[in-house]
Amino acid sequence: MDGSAYTHARWVVRPGQEEAFVAAWQAVGEVFLRLPHPPPWGVLLRSEANPREFVSFGPWPDAGAVGEMRASPEAVAALDRARALCEEATPAAYRLVAAAGRPPDLG
């Protein structure tokens, strides 16, 4: 695992759907962990300024694993269920170019 591939998404959840969205995102994570090349961890952050805004973030073994996730019918269906609770969903893939310190132990 080279640890250089990451995914990130910004989610703006429909009013009143915040808790359902958190549950849907956790279901996405469960699906991701069953993939052949799963991410080691992922996090969902909630804005303190706007409780309807969330950000998810996590590393993947490599860019190929991100492609496998995007091609997985189960992963796509889980993401679609989370997206259906949102006004906006903006996913993206990134490549590591610099780091400071160590990632948290989410163990």
PDB file of N, CA and C in Angstrom:
ATOM      1  N   MET A   1       0.853  -1.188   0.000  1.00  0.00           N
ATOM      2  CA  MET A   1       0.000   0.000   0.000  1.00  0.00           C
ATOM      3  C   MET A   1       0.884   1.231   0.000  1.00  0.00           C
ATOM      4  N   ASP A   2       0.723   2.084  -1.007  1.00  0.00           N
ATOM      5  CA  ASP A   2       1.546   3.287  -1.042  1.00  0.00           C
ATOM      6  C   ASP A   2       0.891   4.450  -0.320  1.00  0.00           C
ATOM      7  N   GLY A   3      -0.406   4.360   0.002  1.00  0.00           N
ATOM      8  CA  GLY A   3      -1.082   5.387   0.787  1.00  0.00           C
ATOM      9  C   GLY A   3      -1.211   6.724   0.104  1.00  0.00           C
ATOM     10  N   SER A   4      -1.044   6.774  -1.218  1.00  0.00           N
ATOM     11  CA  SER A   4      -1.057   8.079  -1.881  1.00  0.00           C
ATOM     12  C   SER A   4      -2.399   8.452  -2.482  1.00  0.00           C
ATOM     13  N   ALA A   5      -3.399   7.562  -2.412  1.00  0.00           N
ATOM     14  CA  ALA A   5      -4.713   7.855  -2.984  1.00  0.00           C
ATOM     15  C   ALA A   5      -5.704   8.138  -1.856  1.00  0.00           C
ATOM     16  N   TYR A   6      -6.471   9.194  -2.021  1.00  0.00           N
ATOM     17  CA  TYR A   6      -7.464   9.592  -1.019  1.00  0.00           C
ATOM     18  C   TYR A   6      -8.762   9.964  -1.719  1.00  0.00           C
ATOM     19  N   THR A   7      -9.859   9.780  -1.011  1.00  0.00           N
ATOM     20  CA  THR A   7     -11.127  10.327  -1.490  1.00  0.00           C
ATOM     21  C   THR A   7     -11.640  11.306  -0.450  1.00  0.00           C
ATOM     22  N   HIS A   8     -12.411  12.253  -0.948  1.00  0.00           N
ATOM     23  CA  HIS A   8     -12.974  13.318  -0.116  1.00  0.00           C
ATOM     24  C   HIS A   8     -14.318  13.664  -0.729  1.00  0.00           C
ATOM     25  N   ALA A   9     -15.276  13.968   0.107  1.00  0.00           N
ATOM     26  CA  ALA A   9     -16.565  14.428  -0.413  1.00  0.00           C
ATOM     27  C   ALA A   9     -17.134  15.476   0.527  1.00  0.00           C
ATOM     28  N   ARG A  10     -17.807  16.437  -0.055  1.00  0.00           N
ATOM     29  CA  ARG A  10     -18.569  17.426   0.703  1.00  0.00           C
ATOM     30  C   ARG A  10     -20.035  17.106   0.471  1.00  0.00           C
ATOM     31  N   TRP A  11     -20.804  17.050   1.563  1.00  0.00           N
ATOM     32  CA  TRP A  11     -22.210  16.679   1.515  1.00  0.00           C
ATOM     33  C   TRP A  11     -23.018  17.773   2.190  1.00  0.00           C
ATOM     34  N   VAL A  12     -24.054  18.258   1.541  1.00  0.00           N
ATOM     35  CA  VAL A  12     -25.015  19.168   2.175  1.00  0.00           C
ATOM     36  C   VAL A  12     -26.331  18.402   2.231  1.00  0.00           C
ATOM     37  N   VAL A  13     -26.720  18.057   3.452  1.00  0.00           N
ATOM     38  CA  VAL A  13     -27.849  17.169   3.685  1.00  0.00           C
ATOM     39  C   VAL A  13     -29.155  17.961   3.721  1.00  0.00           C
ATOM     40  N   ARG A  14     -30.211  17.360   3.224  1.00  0.00           N
ATOM     41  CA  ARG A  14     -31.538  17.980   3.265  1.00  0.00           C
ATOM     42  C   ARG A  14     -31.950  18.203   4.721  1.00  0.00           C
ATOM     43  N   PRO A  15     -32.667  19.297   4.999  1.00  0.00           N
ATOM     44  CA  PRO A  15     -33.087  19.575   6.375  1.00  0.00           C
ATOM     45  C   PRO A  15     -33.848  18.386   6.973  1.00  0.00           C
ATOM     46  N   GLY A  16     -33.476  18.048   8.206  1.00  0.00           N
ATOM     47  CA  GLY A  16     -34.143  16.970   8.909  1.00  0.00           C
ATOM     48  C   GLY A  16     -33.628  15.583   8.586  1.00  0.00           C
ATOM     49  N   GLN A  17     -32.683  15.468   7.658  1.00  0.00           N
ATOM     50  CA  GLN A  17     -32.167  14.158   7.237  1.00  0.00           C
ATOM     51  C   GLN A  17     -30.772  13.869   7.788  1.00  0.00           C
ATOM     52  N   GLU A  18     -30.311  14.697   8.712  1.00  0.00           N
ATOM     53  CA  GLU A  18     -28.932  14.575   9.184  1.00  0.00           C
ATOM     54  C   GLU A  18     -28.631  13.205   9.800  1.00  0.00           C
ATOM     55  N   GLU A  19     -29.483  12.729  10.690  1.00  0.00           N
ATOM     56  CA  GLU A  19     -29.217  11.443  11.344  1.00  0.00           C
ATOM     57  C   GLU A  19     -29.337  10.286  10.348  1.00  0.00           C
ATOM     58  N   ALA A  20     -30.299  10.369   9.446  1.00  0.00           N
ATOM     59  CA  ALA A  20     -30.429   9.337   8.410  1.00  0.00           C
ATOM     60  C   ALA A  20     -29.189   9.332   7.518  1.00  0.00           C
ATOM     61  N   PHE A  21     -28.642  10.511   7.239  1.00  0.00           N
ATOM     62  CA  PHE A  21     -27.439  10.588   6.427  1.00  0.00           C
ATOM     63  C   PHE A  21     -26.254   9.935   7.132  1.00  0.00           C
ATOM     64  N   VAL A  22     -26.087  10.225   8.420  1.00  0.00           N
ATOM     65  CA  VAL A  22     -24.980   9.607   9.170  1.00  0.00           C
ATOM     66  C   VAL A  22     -25.094   8.084   9.098  1.00  0.00           C
ATOM     67  N   ALA A  23     -26.296   7.552   9.283  1.00  0.00           N
ATOM     68  CA  ALA A  23     -26.499   6.099   9.194  1.00  0.00           C
ATOM     69  C   ALA A  23     -26.180   5.598   7.787  1.00  0.00           C
ATOM     70  N   ALA A  24     -26.594   6.336   6.762  1.00  0.00           N
ATOM     71  CA  ALA A  24     -26.317   5.935   5.377  1.00  0.00           C
ATOM     72  C   ALA A  24     -24.817   5.961   5.101  1.00  0.00           C
ATOM     73  N   TRP A  25     -24.118   6.967   5.623  1.00  0.00           N
ATOM     74  CA  TRP A  25     -22.673   7.052   5.423  1.00  0.00           C
ATOM     75  C   TRP A  25     -21.982   5.879   6.117  1.00  0.00           C
ATOM     76  N   GLN A  26     -22.441   5.515   7.303  1.00  0.00           N
ATOM     77  CA  GLN A  26     -21.859   4.365   7.992  1.00  0.00           C
ATOM     78  C   GLN A  26     -22.076   3.088   7.181  1.00  0.00           C
ATOM     79  N   ALA A  27     -23.220   2.976   6.531  1.00  0.00           N
ATOM     80  CA  ALA A  27     -23.477   1.822   5.658  1.00  0.00           C
ATOM     81  C   ALA A  27     -22.529   1.830   4.462  1.00  0.00           C
ATOM     82  N   VAL A  28     -22.237   3.010   3.929  1.00  0.00           N
ATOM     83  CA  VAL A  28     -21.246   3.127   2.850  1.00  0.00           C
ATOM     84  C   VAL A  28     -19.913   2.578   3.338  1.00  0.00           C
ATOM     85  N   GLY A  29     -19.514   2.994   4.529  1.00  0.00           N
ATOM     86  CA  GLY A  29     -18.248   2.521   5.085  1.00  0.00           C
ATOM     87  C   GLY A  29     -18.201   1.014   5.229  1.00  0.00           C
ATOM     88  N   GLU A  30     -19.300   0.415   5.650  1.00  0.00           N
ATOM     89  CA  GLU A  30     -19.352  -1.043   5.784  1.00  0.00           C
ATOM     90  C   GLU A  30     -19.166  -1.718   4.425  1.00  0.00           C
ATOM     91  N   VAL A  31     -19.782  -1.149   3.397  1.00  0.00           N
ATOM     92  CA  VAL A  31     -19.611  -1.694   2.044  1.00  0.00           C
ATOM     93  C   VAL A  31     -18.158  -1.544   1.607  1.00  0.00           C
ATOM     94  N   PHE A  32     -17.592  -0.364   1.828  1.00  0.00           N
ATOM     95  CA  PHE A  32     -16.196  -0.138   1.434  1.00  0.00           C
ATOM     96  C   PHE A  32     -15.268  -1.164   2.088  1.00  0.00           C
ATOM     97  N   LEU A  33     -15.514  -1.482   3.357  1.00  0.00           N
ATOM     98  CA  LEU A  33     -14.634  -2.408   4.068  1.00  0.00           C
ATOM     99  C   LEU A  33     -14.731  -3.842   3.548  1.00  0.00           C
ATOM    100  N   ARG A  34     -15.775  -4.148   2.789  1.00  0.00           N
ATOM    101  CA  ARG A  34     -15.915  -5.476   2.180  1.00  0.00           C
ATOM    102  C   ARG A  34     -15.314  -5.543   0.770  1.00  0.00           C
ATOM    103  N   LEU A  35     -14.840  -4.438   0.246  1.00  0.00           N
ATOM    104  CA  LEU A  35     -14.239  -4.431  -1.087  1.00  0.00           C
ATOM    105  C   LEU A  35     -12.932  -5.218  -1.084  1.00  0.00           C
ATOM    106  N   PRO A  36     -12.495  -5.690  -2.250  1.00  0.00           N
ATOM    107  CA  PRO A  36     -11.241  -6.460  -2.316  1.00  0.00           C
ATOM    108  C   PRO A  36     -10.022  -5.689  -1.792  1.00  0.00           C
ATOM    109  N   HIS A  37      -9.981  -4.389  -2.020  1.00  0.00           N
ATOM    110  CA  HIS A  37      -8.868  -3.544  -1.571  1.00  0.00           C
ATOM    111  C   HIS A  37      -9.445  -2.344  -0.821  1.00  0.00           C
ATOM    112  N   PRO A  38      -9.896  -2.576   0.421  1.00  0.00           N
ATOM    113  CA  PRO A  38     -10.615  -1.534   1.154  1.00  0.00           C
ATOM    114  C   PRO A  38      -9.695  -0.427   1.674  1.00  0.00           C
ATOM    115  N   PRO A  39     -10.286   0.696   2.000  1.00  0.00           N
ATOM    116  CA  PRO A  39      -9.518   1.744   2.672  1.00  0.00           C
ATOM    117  C   PRO A  39      -9.247   1.286   4.109  1.00  0.00           C
ATOM    118  N   PRO A  40      -8.140   1.702   4.707  1.00  0.00           N
ATOM    119  CA  PRO A  40      -7.872   1.303   6.089  1.00  0.00           C
ATOM    120  C   PRO A  40      -8.777   2.009   7.096  1.00  0.00           C
ATOM    121  N   TRP A  41      -9.261   3.176   6.734  1.00  0.00           N
ATOM    122  CA  TRP A  41     -10.160   3.950   7.593  1.00  0.00           C
ATOM    123  C   TRP A  41     -10.802   5.057   6.780  1.00  0.00           C
ATOM    124  N   GLY A  42     -11.815   5.660   7.344  1.00  0.00           N
ATOM    125  CA  GLY A  42     -12.473   6.818   6.750  1.00  0.00           C
ATOM    126  C   GLY A  42     -13.154   7.585   7.869  1.00  0.00           C
ATOM    127  N   VAL A  43     -13.347   8.861   7.664  1.00  0.00           N
ATOM    128  CA  VAL A  43     -13.990   9.690   8.682  1.00  0.00           C
ATOM    129  C   VAL A  43     -15.093  10.523   8.051  1.00  0.00           C
ATOM    130  N   LEU A  44     -16.089  10.827   8.863  1.00  0.00           N
ATOM    131  CA  LEU A  44     -17.158  11.749   8.487  1.00  0.00           C
ATOM    132  C   LEU A  44     -17.125  12.885   9.494  1.00  0.00           C
ATOM    133  N   LEU A  45     -16.961  14.093   8.999  1.00  0.00           N
ATOM    134  CA  LEU A  45     -16.914  15.282   9.843  1.00  0.00           C
ATOM    135  C   LEU A  45     -18.173  16.099   9.618  1.00  0.00           C
ATOM    136  N   ARG A  46     -18.660  16.722  10.688  1.00  0.00           N
ATOM    137  CA  ARG A  46     -19.853  17.569  10.593  1.00  0.00           C
ATOM    138  C   ARG A  46     -19.460  18.994  10.943  1.00  0.00           C
ATOM    139  N   SER A  47     -19.878  19.926  10.142  1.00  0.00           N
ATOM    140  CA  SER A  47     -19.571  21.334  10.371  1.00  0.00           C
ATOM    141  C   SER A  47     -20.226  21.831  11.651  1.00  0.00           C
ATOM    142  N   GLU A  48     -19.478  22.565  12.452  1.00  0.00           N
ATOM    143  CA  GLU A  48     -20.055  23.190  13.635  1.00  0.00           C
ATOM    144  C   GLU A  48     -20.848  24.430  13.259  1.00  0.00           C
ATOM    145  N   ALA A  49     -20.496  25.070  12.157  1.00  0.00           N
ATOM    146  CA  ALA A  49     -21.193  26.279  11.716  1.00  0.00           C
ATOM    147  C   ALA A  49     -22.503  25.955  10.996  1.00  0.00           C
ATOM    148  N   ASN A  50     -22.532  24.825  10.278  1.00  0.00           N
ATOM    149  CA  ASN A  50     -23.719  24.425   9.525  1.00  0.00           C
ATOM    150  C   ASN A  50     -23.934  22.926   9.733  1.00  0.00           C
ATOM    151  N   PRO A  51     -24.803  22.524  10.660  1.00  0.00           N
ATOM    152  CA  PRO A  51     -24.962  21.107  10.979  1.00  0.00           C
ATOM    153  C   PRO A  51     -25.505  20.250   9.834  1.00  0.00           C
ATOM    154  N   ARG A  52     -25.874  20.870   8.714  1.00  0.00           N
ATOM    155  CA  ARG A  52     -26.310  20.107   7.540  1.00  0.00           C
ATOM    156  C   ARG A  52     -25.140  19.809   6.604  1.00  0.00           C
ATOM    157  N   GLU A  53     -23.965  20.357   6.882  1.00  0.00           N
ATOM    158  CA  GLU A  53     -22.802  20.169   6.019  1.00  0.00           C
ATOM    159  C   GLU A  53     -21.836  19.156   6.638  1.00  0.00           C
ATOM    160  N   PHE A  54     -21.453  18.181   5.818  1.00  0.00           N
ATOM    161  CA  PHE A  54     -20.548  17.128   6.243  1.00  0.00           C
ATOM    162  C   PHE A  54     -19.399  17.030   5.245  1.00  0.00           C
ATOM    163  N   VAL A  55     -18.284  16.481   5.714  1.00  0.00           N
ATOM    164  CA  VAL A  55     -17.144  16.189   4.857  1.00  0.00           C
ATOM    165  C   VAL A  55     -16.688  14.779   5.207  1.00  0.00           C
ATOM    166  N   SER A  56     -16.466  13.965   4.203  1.00  0.00           N
ATOM    167  CA  SER A  56     -15.886  12.643   4.435  1.00  0.00           C
ATOM    168  C   SER A  56     -14.522  12.591   3.763  1.00  0.00           C
ATOM    169  N   PHE A  57     -13.646  11.741   4.331  1.00  0.00           N
ATOM    170  CA  PHE A  57     -12.263  11.726   3.889  1.00  0.00           C
ATOM    171  C   PHE A  57     -11.647  10.395   4.274  1.00  0.00           C
ATOM    172  N   GLY A  58     -10.787   9.863   3.414  1.00  0.00           N
ATOM    173  CA  GLY A  58     -10.055   8.661   3.773  1.00  0.00           C
ATOM    174  C   GLY A  58      -9.050   8.240   2.726  1.00  0.00           C
ATOM    175  N   PRO A  59      -8.036   7.475   3.158  1.00  0.00           N
ATOM    176  CA  PRO A  59      -7.010   6.955   2.249  1.00  0.00           C
ATOM    177  C   PRO A  59      -7.430   5.625   1.640  1.00  0.00           C
ATOM    178  N   TRP A  60      -6.857   5.320   0.505  1.00  0.00           N
ATOM    179  CA  TRP A  60      -7.071   4.048  -0.188  1.00  0.00           C
ATOM    180  C   TRP A  60      -5.708   3.441  -0.479  1.00  0.00           C
ATOM    181  N   PRO A  61      -5.655   2.111  -0.678  1.00  0.00           N
ATOM    182  CA  PRO A  61      -4.366   1.489  -0.967  1.00  0.00           C
ATOM    183  C   PRO A  61      -3.652   2.121  -2.166  1.00  0.00           C
ATOM    184  N   ASP A  62      -4.431   2.441  -3.205  1.00  0.00           N
ATOM    185  CA  ASP A  62      -3.873   3.084  -4.397  1.00  0.00           C
ATOM    186  C   ASP A  62      -5.037   3.541  -5.271  1.00  0.00           C
ATOM    187  N   ALA A  63      -4.721   4.208  -6.363  1.00  0.00           N
ATOM    188  CA  ALA A  63      -5.769   4.731  -7.252  1.00  0.00           C
ATOM    189  C   ALA A  63      -6.612   3.604  -7.853  1.00  0.00           C
ATOM    190  N   GLY A  64      -6.008   2.439  -8.058  1.00  0.00           N
ATOM    191  CA  GLY A  64      -6.766   1.304  -8.587  1.00  0.00           C
ATOM    192  C   GLY A  64      -7.874   0.871  -7.646  1.00  0.00           C
ATOM    193  N   ALA A  65      -7.634   0.951  -6.338  1.00  0.00           N
ATOM    194  CA  ALA A  65      -8.656   0.593  -5.354  1.00  0.00           C
ATOM    195  C   ALA A  65      -9.824   1.571  -5.408  1.00  0.00           C
ATOM    196  N   VAL A  66      -9.524   2.842  -5.665  1.00  0.00           N
ATOM    197  CA  VAL A  66     -10.598   3.837  -5.819  1.00  0.00           C
ATOM    198  C   VAL A  66     -11.429   3.487  -7.052  1.00  0.00           C
ATOM    199  N   GLY A  67     -10.771   3.108  -8.126  1.00  0.00           N
ATOM    200  CA  GLY A  67     -11.485   2.697  -9.340  1.00  0.00           C
ATOM    201  C   GLY A  67     -12.346   1.468  -9.105  1.00  0.00           C
ATOM    202  N   GLU A  68     -11.841   0.505  -8.342  1.00  0.00           N
ATOM    203  CA  GLU A  68     -12.631  -0.682  -8.007  1.00  0.00           C
ATOM    204  C   GLU A  68     -13.878  -0.303  -7.215  1.00  0.00           C
ATOM    205  N   MET A  69     -13.725   0.623  -6.271  1.00  0.00           N
ATOM    206  CA  MET A  69     -14.868   1.082  -5.481  1.00  0.00           C
ATOM    207  C   MET A  69     -15.904   1.714  -6.399  1.00  0.00           C
ATOM    208  N   ARG A  70     -15.477   2.552  -7.297  1.00  0.00           N
ATOM    209  CA  ARG A  70     -16.410   3.243  -8.194  1.00  0.00           C
ATOM    210  C   ARG A  70     -17.082   2.285  -9.175  1.00  0.00           C
ATOM    211  N   ALA A  71     -16.474   1.134  -9.415  1.00  0.00           N
ATOM    212  CA  ALA A  71     -17.053   0.145 -10.323  1.00  0.00           C
ATOM    213  C   ALA A  71     -17.905  -0.895  -9.588  1.00  0.00           C
ATOM    214  N   SER A  72     -17.893  -0.872  -8.281  1.00  0.00           N
ATOM    215  CA  SER A  72     -18.638  -1.857  -7.499  1.00  0.00           C
ATOM    216  C   SER A  72     -20.117  -1.491  -7.447  1.00  0.00           C
ATOM    217  N   PRO A  73     -20.995  -2.337  -7.943  1.00  0.00           N
ATOM    218  CA  PRO A  73     -22.426  -2.043  -7.886  1.00  0.00           C
ATOM    219  C   PRO A  73     -22.919  -1.828  -6.451  1.00  0.00           C
ATOM    220  N   GLU A  74     -22.394  -2.603  -5.507  1.00  0.00           N
ATOM    221  CA  GLU A  74     -22.809  -2.457  -4.107  1.00  0.00           C
ATOM    222  C   GLU A  74     -22.378  -1.100  -3.545  1.00  0.00           C
ATOM    223  N   ALA A  75     -21.146  -0.681  -3.857  1.00  0.00           N
ATOM    224  CA  ALA A  75     -20.661   0.616  -3.385  1.00  0.00           C
ATOM    225  C   ALA A  75     -21.448   1.758  -4.031  1.00  0.00           C
ATOM    226  N   VAL A  76     -21.705   1.647  -5.325  1.00  0.00           N
ATOM    227  CA  VAL A  76     -22.474   2.690  -6.024  1.00  0.00           C
ATOM    228  C   VAL A  76     -23.871   2.810  -5.430  1.00  0.00           C
ATOM    229  N   ALA A  77     -24.510   1.675  -5.140  1.00  0.00           N
ATOM    230  CA  ALA A  77     -25.857   1.700  -4.557  1.00  0.00           C
ATOM    231  C   ALA A  77     -25.840   2.338  -3.173  1.00  0.00           C
ATOM    232  N   ALA A  78     -24.835   2.012  -2.361  1.00  0.00           N
ATOM    233  CA  ALA A  78     -24.742   2.596  -1.015  1.00  0.00           C
ATOM    234  C   ALA A  78     -24.509   4.105  -1.100  1.00  0.00           C
ATOM    235  N   LEU A  79     -23.638   4.515  -2.006  1.00  0.00           N
ATOM    236  CA  LEU A  79     -23.396   5.956  -2.189  1.00  0.00           C
ATOM    237  C   LEU A  79     -24.651   6.657  -2.695  1.00  0.00           C
ATOM    238  N   ASP A  80     -25.384   6.024  -3.579  1.00  0.00           N
ATOM    239  CA  ASP A  80     -26.628   6.612  -4.089  1.00  0.00           C
ATOM    240  C   ASP A  80     -27.641   6.820  -2.969  1.00  0.00           C
ATOM    241  N   ARG A  81     -27.702   5.868  -2.027  1.00  0.00           N
ATOM    242  CA  ARG A  81     -28.629   6.020  -0.895  1.00  0.00           C
ATOM    243  C   ARG A  81     -28.223   7.215  -0.031  1.00  0.00           C
ATOM    244  N   ALA A  82     -26.942   7.412   0.185  1.00  0.00           N
ATOM    245  CA  ALA A  82     -26.470   8.577   0.951  1.00  0.00           C
ATOM    246  C   ALA A  82     -26.744   9.863   0.171  1.00  0.00           C
ATOM    247  N   ARG A  83     -26.451   9.849  -1.131  1.00  0.00           N
ATOM    248  CA  ARG A  83     -26.663  11.036  -1.982  1.00  0.00           C
ATOM    249  C   ARG A  83     -28.124  11.456  -2.031  1.00  0.00           C
ATOM    250  N   ALA A  84     -29.032  10.486  -1.951  1.00  0.00           N
ATOM    251  CA  ALA A  84     -30.463  10.790  -2.028  1.00  0.00           C
ATOM    252  C   ALA A  84     -30.932  11.635  -0.844  1.00  0.00           C
ATOM    253  N   LEU A  85     -30.164  11.654   0.218  1.00  0.00           N
ATOM    254  CA  LEU A  85     -30.504  12.442   1.401  1.00  0.00           C
ATOM    255  C   LEU A  85     -29.917  13.849   1.348  1.00  0.00           C
ATOM    256  N   CYS A  86     -29.257  14.172   0.244  1.00  0.00           N
ATOM    257  CA  CYS A  86     -28.504  15.422   0.147  1.00  0.00           C
ATOM    258  C   CYS A  86     -29.043  16.378  -0.907  1.00  0.00           C
ATOM    259  N   GLU A  87     -28.819  17.657  -0.658  1.00  0.00           N
ATOM    260  CA  GLU A  87     -29.033  18.690  -1.669  1.00  0.00           C
ATOM    261  C   GLU A  87     -27.813  18.781  -2.581  1.00  0.00           C
ATOM    262  N   GLU A  88     -26.638  18.522  -2.007  1.00  0.00           N
ATOM    263  CA  GLU A  88     -25.374  18.556  -2.749  1.00  0.00           C
ATOM    264  C   GLU A  88     -24.511  17.403  -2.284  1.00  0.00           C
ATOM    265  N   ALA A  89     -23.808  16.793  -3.208  1.00  0.00           N
ATOM    266  CA  ALA A  89     -22.806  15.776  -2.896  1.00  0.00           C
ATOM    267  C   ALA A  89     -21.681  15.954  -3.905  1.00  0.00           C
ATOM    268  N   THR A  90     -20.494  16.268  -3.411  1.00  0.00           N
ATOM    269  CA  THR A  90     -19.380  16.571  -4.286  1.00  0.00           C
ATOM    270  C   THR A  90     -18.197  15.670  -3.952  1.00  0.00           C
ATOM    271  N   PRO A  91     -18.106  14.495  -4.574  1.00  0.00           N
ATOM    272  CA  PRO A  91     -16.976  13.598  -4.323  1.00  0.00           C
ATOM    273  C   PRO A  91     -15.793  13.943  -5.214  1.00  0.00           C
ATOM    274  N   ALA A  92     -14.604  13.560  -4.753  1.00  0.00           N
ATOM    275  CA  ALA A  92     -13.395  13.779  -5.548  1.00  0.00           C
ATOM    276  C   ALA A  92     -12.311  12.820  -5.082  1.00  0.00           C
ATOM    277  N   ALA A  93     -11.348  12.583  -5.948  1.00  0.00           N
ATOM    278  CA  ALA A  93     -10.184  11.763  -5.618  1.00  0.00           C
ATOM    279  C   ALA A  93      -8.955  12.668  -5.613  1.00  0.00           C
ATOM    280  N   TYR A  94      -8.038  12.352  -4.737  1.00  0.00           N
ATOM    281  CA  TYR A  94      -6.830  13.160  -4.561  1.00  0.00           C
ATOM    282  C   TYR A  94      -5.607  12.264  -4.484  1.00  0.00           C
ATOM    283  N   ARG A  95      -4.448  12.881  -4.685  1.00  0.00           N
ATOM    284  CA  ARG A  95      -3.159  12.203  -4.580  1.00  0.00           C
ATOM    285  C   ARG A  95      -2.340  12.926  -3.524  1.00  0.00           C
ATOM    286  N   LEU A  96      -1.715  12.179  -2.630  1.00  0.00           N
ATOM    287  CA  LEU A  96      -0.887  12.754  -1.571  1.00  0.00           C
ATOM    288  C   LEU A  96       0.336  13.431  -2.171  1.00  0.00           C
ATOM    289  N   VAL A  97       0.576  14.681  -1.789  1.00  0.00           N
ATOM    290  CA  VAL A  97       1.773  15.399  -2.243  1.00  0.00           C
ATOM    291  C   VAL A  97       2.620  15.911  -1.088  1.00  0.00           C
ATOM    292  N   ALA A  98       2.064  15.994   0.128  1.00  0.00           N
ATOM    293  CA  ALA A  98       2.828  16.421   1.299  1.00  0.00           C
ATOM    294  C   ALA A  98       2.067  16.006   2.545  1.00  0.00           C
ATOM    295  N   ALA A  99       2.781  15.868   3.650  1.00  0.00           N
ATOM    296  CA  ALA A  99       2.149  15.497   4.908  1.00  0.00           C
ATOM    297  C   ALA A  99       2.934  16.094   6.059  1.00  0.00           C
ATOM    298  N   ALA A 100       2.257  16.299   7.176  1.00  0.00           N
ATOM    299  CA  ALA A 100       2.897  16.754   8.401  1.00  0.00           C
ATOM    300  C   ALA A 100       2.359  15.882   9.541  1.00  0.00           C
ATOM    301  N   GLY A 101       3.221  15.386  10.381  1.00  0.00           N
ATOM    302  CA  GLY A 101       2.771  14.537  11.477  1.00  0.00           C
ATOM    303  C   GLY A 101       2.309  13.197  10.992  1.00  0.00           C
ATOM    304  N   ARG A 102       1.495  12.546  11.819  1.00  0.00           N
ATOM    305  CA  ARG A 102       0.978  11.220  11.489  1.00  0.00           C
ATOM    306  C   ARG A 102      -0.539  11.238  11.507  1.00  0.00           C
ATOM    307  N   PRO A 103      -1.175  10.395  10.683  1.00  0.00           N
ATOM    308  CA  PRO A 103      -2.635  10.311  10.733  1.00  0.00           C
ATOM    309  C   PRO A 103      -3.077   9.816  12.117  1.00  0.00           C
ATOM    310  N   PRO A 104      -4.280  10.146  12.521  1.00  0.00           N
ATOM    311  CA  PRO A 104      -4.757   9.708  13.835  1.00  0.00           C
ATOM    312  C   PRO A 104      -4.955   8.194  13.867  1.00  0.00           C
ATOM    313  N   ASP A 105      -4.816   7.636  15.051  1.00  0.00           N
ATOM    314  CA  ASP A 105      -5.128   6.223  15.244  1.00  0.00           C
ATOM    315  C   ASP A 105      -6.618   6.112  15.466  1.00  0.00           C
ATOM    316  N   LEU A 106      -7.337   5.654  14.442  1.00  0.00           N
ATOM    317  CA  LEU A 106      -8.785   5.572  14.527  1.00  0.00           C
ATOM    318  C   LEU A 106      -9.238   4.190  14.962  1.00  0.00           C
ATOM    319  N   GLY A 107      -8.262   3.332  15.262  1.00  0.00           N
ATOM    320  CA  GLY A 107      -8.416   1.975  15.623  1.00  0.00           C
ATOM    321  C   GLY A 107      -9.603   1.413  16.115  1.00  0.00           C
TER     322      GLY A 107
END
